[in-house]
């Protein structure tokens, strides 16, 4: 089977981002964004999706972390879209309820070519350490828009905000893994009655 890997770079006045992904990897990562909590979340995304991910971001963090997080999501999404190609032979759909201690979060995905995010996650505090909790949604919005996937994330319950955020990343990781898996029953088919997953 052809390799499913890609690189993507993006440079603006706000950030300089370089990303590489291998969808058939082992979940290894090298992440450097300058935002400690976000680095930890991206490492979780890689480990539990089995996507090898390299991310380097030099962002305008003297302002805040927004551009760094959003542009990382854009770049990872673009790299994933390139690696998927025409999406031939993938499973396409996946969903999971993922538990972590007192927290339960659901993620569901359609690798449809039609970008959309449904987000039902609330945090009880504006920050996790120094990290703005609203940036969790910003990352997944950028990821979904640029990867061309429909993504639903729903936190059923949870008390600890770190756990809520982490279950979002781990749940999304697991549905990426399942939906990107090659379908042994139709390895050369595009899983759509339209014959295309271009949106």
Protein backbone atom coordinates (compact mmCIF):
# COMPACT_ATOMS: atom_id res chain seq x y z
CA UNK A 1 0.00 0.00 0.00
CA UNK A 2 1.28 3.52 -0.71
CA UNK A 3 2.54 5.49 2.30
CA UNK A 4 0.11 7.89 3.91
CA UNK A 5 2.37 10.64 5.13
CA UNK A 6 2.66 14.36 4.43
CA UNK A 7 4.34 17.58 5.45
CA UNK A 8 2.85 21.04 5.72
CA UNK A 9 4.43 24.40 6.52
CA UNK A 10 2.76 27.73 7.14
CA UNK A 11 4.31 31.14 7.81
CA UNK A 12 2.45 34.32 8.68
CA UNK A 13 3.23 37.45 10.67
CA UNK A 14 1.77 35.62 13.69
CA UNK A 15 3.30 32.15 13.50
CA UNK A 16 5.72 29.89 11.69
CA UNK A 17 4.52 26.29 11.74
CA UNK A 18 6.02 23.07 10.40
CA UNK A 19 4.16 19.76 10.65
CA UNK A 20 4.66 16.20 9.43
CA UNK A 21 2.29 13.27 9.87
CA UNK A 22 2.36 9.55 9.15
CA UNK A 23 -1.11 8.06 9.42
CA UNK A 24 0.30 4.53 9.59
CA UNK A 25 2.78 5.27 12.34
CA UNK A 26 3.26 3.99 15.88
CA UNK A 27 2.07 7.05 17.80
CA UNK A 28 5.45 8.68 18.21
CA UNK A 29 5.65 12.45 18.44
CA UNK A 30 8.03 15.36 18.64
CA UNK A 31 6.13 18.47 19.62
CA UNK A 32 7.43 21.95 20.35
CA UNK A 33 4.91 24.79 20.46
CA UNK A 34 6.12 26.68 23.52
CA UNK A 35 2.78 25.95 25.23
CA UNK A 36 3.40 23.17 27.74
CA UNK A 37 -0.16 21.95 28.26
CA UNK A 38 -0.84 22.02 24.52
CA UNK A 39 2.32 20.03 23.83
CA UNK A 40 1.07 17.42 26.30
CA UNK A 41 -2.30 17.25 24.52
CA UNK A 42 -0.71 16.87 21.08
CA UNK A 43 1.44 14.05 22.43
CA UNK A 44 -1.78 12.36 23.61
CA UNK A 45 -3.35 12.91 20.19
CA UNK A 46 -0.40 11.21 18.51
CA UNK A 47 -0.06 8.35 20.98
CA UNK A 48 -3.71 7.30 20.92
CA UNK A 49 -4.30 7.79 17.19
CA UNK A 50 -1.07 5.95 16.27
CA UNK A 51 -0.33 8.88 13.96
CA UNK A 52 3.32 9.88 14.06
CA UNK A 53 3.31 13.66 14.44
CA UNK A 54 6.06 16.26 14.37
CA UNK A 55 5.03 19.81 15.21
CA UNK A 56 7.21 22.90 15.50
CA UNK A 57 5.61 26.28 16.12
CA UNK A 58 7.23 29.66 16.64
CA UNK A 59 4.31 31.89 17.55
CA UNK A 60 3.56 35.37 18.88
CA UNK A 61 3.15 34.11 22.42
CA UNK A 62 3.99 37.55 23.80
CA UNK A 63 0.39 38.35 22.82
CA UNK A 64 -1.23 35.07 23.90
CA UNK A 65 -1.38 31.40 22.87
CA UNK A 66 -4.32 31.72 20.48
CA UNK A 67 -2.46 31.97 17.18
CA UNK A 68 -0.03 29.21 18.17
CA UNK A 69 -2.82 26.75 18.98
CA UNK A 70 -5.09 27.66 16.07
CA UNK A 71 -2.32 27.59 13.47
CA UNK A 72 -1.07 24.25 14.76
CA UNK A 73 -4.60 22.91 14.22
CA UNK A 74 -4.65 24.34 10.69
CA UNK A 75 -1.28 22.80 9.82
CA UNK A 76 -2.03 19.37 11.32
CA UNK A 77 -5.38 19.32 9.52
CA UNK A 78 -3.79 20.25 6.20
CA UNK A 79 -1.12 17.57 6.61
CA UNK A 80 -3.75 14.95 7.42
CA UNK A 81 -5.81 15.93 4.36
CA UNK A 82 -2.73 15.57 2.15
CA UNK A 83 -1.84 12.21 3.68
CA UNK A 84 -5.38 10.88 3.15
CA UNK A 85 -5.37 11.75 -0.53
CA UNK A 86 -8.67 10.71 -2.14
CA UNK A 87 -9.58 8.77 1.06
CA UNK A 88 -9.69 5.50 -0.81
CA UNK A 89 -9.93 2.35 1.32
CA UNK A 90 -10.56 4.01 4.69
CA UNK A 91 -13.20 2.98 7.24
CA UNK A 92 -14.49 6.60 7.21
CA UNK A 93 -16.74 6.53 10.31
CA UNK A 94 -15.97 6.02 13.99
CA UNK A 95 -17.25 6.95 17.45
CA UNK A 96 -16.20 6.32 21.04
CA UNK A 97 -17.17 7.11 24.60
CA UNK A 98 -13.89 7.63 26.42
CA UNK A 99 -13.57 7.55 30.21
CA UNK A 100 -10.88 9.08 32.39
CA UNK A 101 -11.49 8.94 36.13
CA UNK A 102 -14.65 11.01 36.77
CA UNK A 103 -14.91 12.27 33.18
CA UNK A 104 -16.67 10.82 30.13
CA UNK A 105 -16.41 12.32 26.65
CA UNK A 106 -17.77 11.16 23.31
CA UNK A 107 -16.22 11.81 19.92
CA UNK A 108 -17.67 10.83 16.55
CA UNK A 109 -16.22 11.43 13.09
CA UNK A 110 -17.11 11.23 9.43
CA UNK A 111 -14.08 11.60 7.17
CA UNK A 112 -16.40 13.06 4.59
CA UNK A 113 -14.52 15.89 2.95
CA UNK A 114 -17.13 18.21 4.47
CA UNK A 115 -15.63 20.15 7.40
CA UNK A 116 -17.87 20.66 10.39
CA UNK A 117 -17.47 20.78 14.17
CA UNK A 118 -20.19 20.18 16.74
CA UNK A 119 -18.82 21.06 20.17
CA UNK A 120 -20.69 20.45 23.43
CA UNK A 121 -17.91 20.83 25.99
CA UNK A 122 -17.91 23.26 28.89
CA UNK A 123 -15.12 24.06 31.30
CA UNK A 124 -15.71 25.28 34.84
CA UNK A 125 -12.66 27.57 34.78
CA UNK A 126 -11.12 29.80 32.09
CA UNK A 127 -7.64 28.30 32.48
CA UNK A 128 -5.82 25.02 33.07
CA UNK A 129 -2.64 26.35 34.61
CA UNK A 130 -1.78 29.14 32.18
CA UNK A 131 -3.62 27.57 29.23
CA UNK A 132 -6.91 29.15 28.09
CA UNK A 133 -9.56 26.42 28.06
CA UNK A 134 -11.41 28.08 25.15
CA UNK A 135 -8.43 27.18 22.97
CA UNK A 136 -9.35 23.49 23.10
CA UNK A 137 -12.33 24.23 20.87
CA UNK A 138 -10.25 26.52 18.66
CA UNK A 139 -7.80 23.71 17.99
CA UNK A 140 -10.44 21.16 17.05
CA UNK A 141 -12.31 23.67 14.89
CA UNK A 142 -9.12 24.39 12.94
CA UNK A 143 -8.32 20.67 12.71
CA UNK A 144 -11.78 19.71 11.40
CA UNK A 145 -11.94 22.57 8.91
CA UNK A 146 -8.56 21.81 7.40
CA UNK A 147 -8.63 18.02 7.52
CA UNK A 148 -12.07 18.05 5.87
CA UNK A 149 -13.83 15.99 8.53
CA UNK A 150 -17.12 16.24 10.36
CA UNK A 151 -16.31 16.00 14.05
CA UNK A 152 -18.67 15.87 17.03
CA UNK A 153 -17.28 16.15 20.57
CA UNK A 154 -19.57 15.93 23.60
CA UNK A 155 -18.47 15.93 27.21
CA UNK A 156 -21.09 13.96 29.14
CA UNK A 157 -19.70 14.91 32.56
CA UNK A 158 -16.52 15.69 34.42
CA UNK A 159 -15.21 17.80 37.28
CA UNK A 160 -11.50 18.21 36.64
CA UNK A 161 -10.85 20.54 33.69
CA UNK A 162 -7.54 18.84 32.85
CA UNK A 163 -9.43 15.56 32.55
CA UNK A 164 -12.15 17.14 30.42
CA UNK A 165 -9.60 18.53 27.96
CA UNK A 166 -7.55 15.35 27.93
CA UNK A 167 -10.56 13.14 27.22
CA UNK A 168 -11.40 15.38 24.26
CA UNK A 169 -7.94 14.86 22.77
CA UNK A 170 -7.85 11.14 23.53
CA UNK A 171 -11.37 10.52 22.22
CA UNK A 172 -10.65 12.39 19.00
CA UNK A 173 -7.38 10.47 18.68
CA UNK A 174 -9.19 7.15 18.92
CA UNK A 175 -11.80 8.04 16.28
CA UNK A 176 -9.06 9.31 13.96
CA UNK A 177 -7.31 5.98 14.35
CA UNK A 178 -10.45 3.94 13.69
CA UNK A 179 -11.76 6.05 10.80
CA UNK A 180 -8.38 6.25 9.04
CA UNK A 181 -7.83 2.48 9.27
CA UNK A 182 -7.68 0.66 5.96
CA UNK A 183 -10.81 -1.39 5.26
CA UNK A 184 -9.68 -4.93 4.37
CA UNK A 185 -13.00 -5.67 2.63
CA UNK A 186 -12.74 -2.75 0.22
CA UNK A 187 -9.12 -1.58 0.16
CA UNK A 188 -9.42 0.14 -3.24
CA UNK A 189 -12.90 1.64 -2.88
CA UNK A 190 -13.89 5.15 -1.87
CA UNK A 191 -16.49 4.61 0.89
CA UNK A 192 -19.23 6.74 -0.62
CA UNK A 193 -22.13 6.07 -3.00
CA UNK A 194 -21.06 9.28 -4.78
CA UNK A 195 -17.68 7.78 -5.53
CA UNK A 196 -15.94 10.80 -4.06
CA UNK A 197 -15.09 12.20 -0.63
CA UNK A 198 -13.98 15.58 -1.94
CA UNK A 199 -16.74 17.45 -0.07
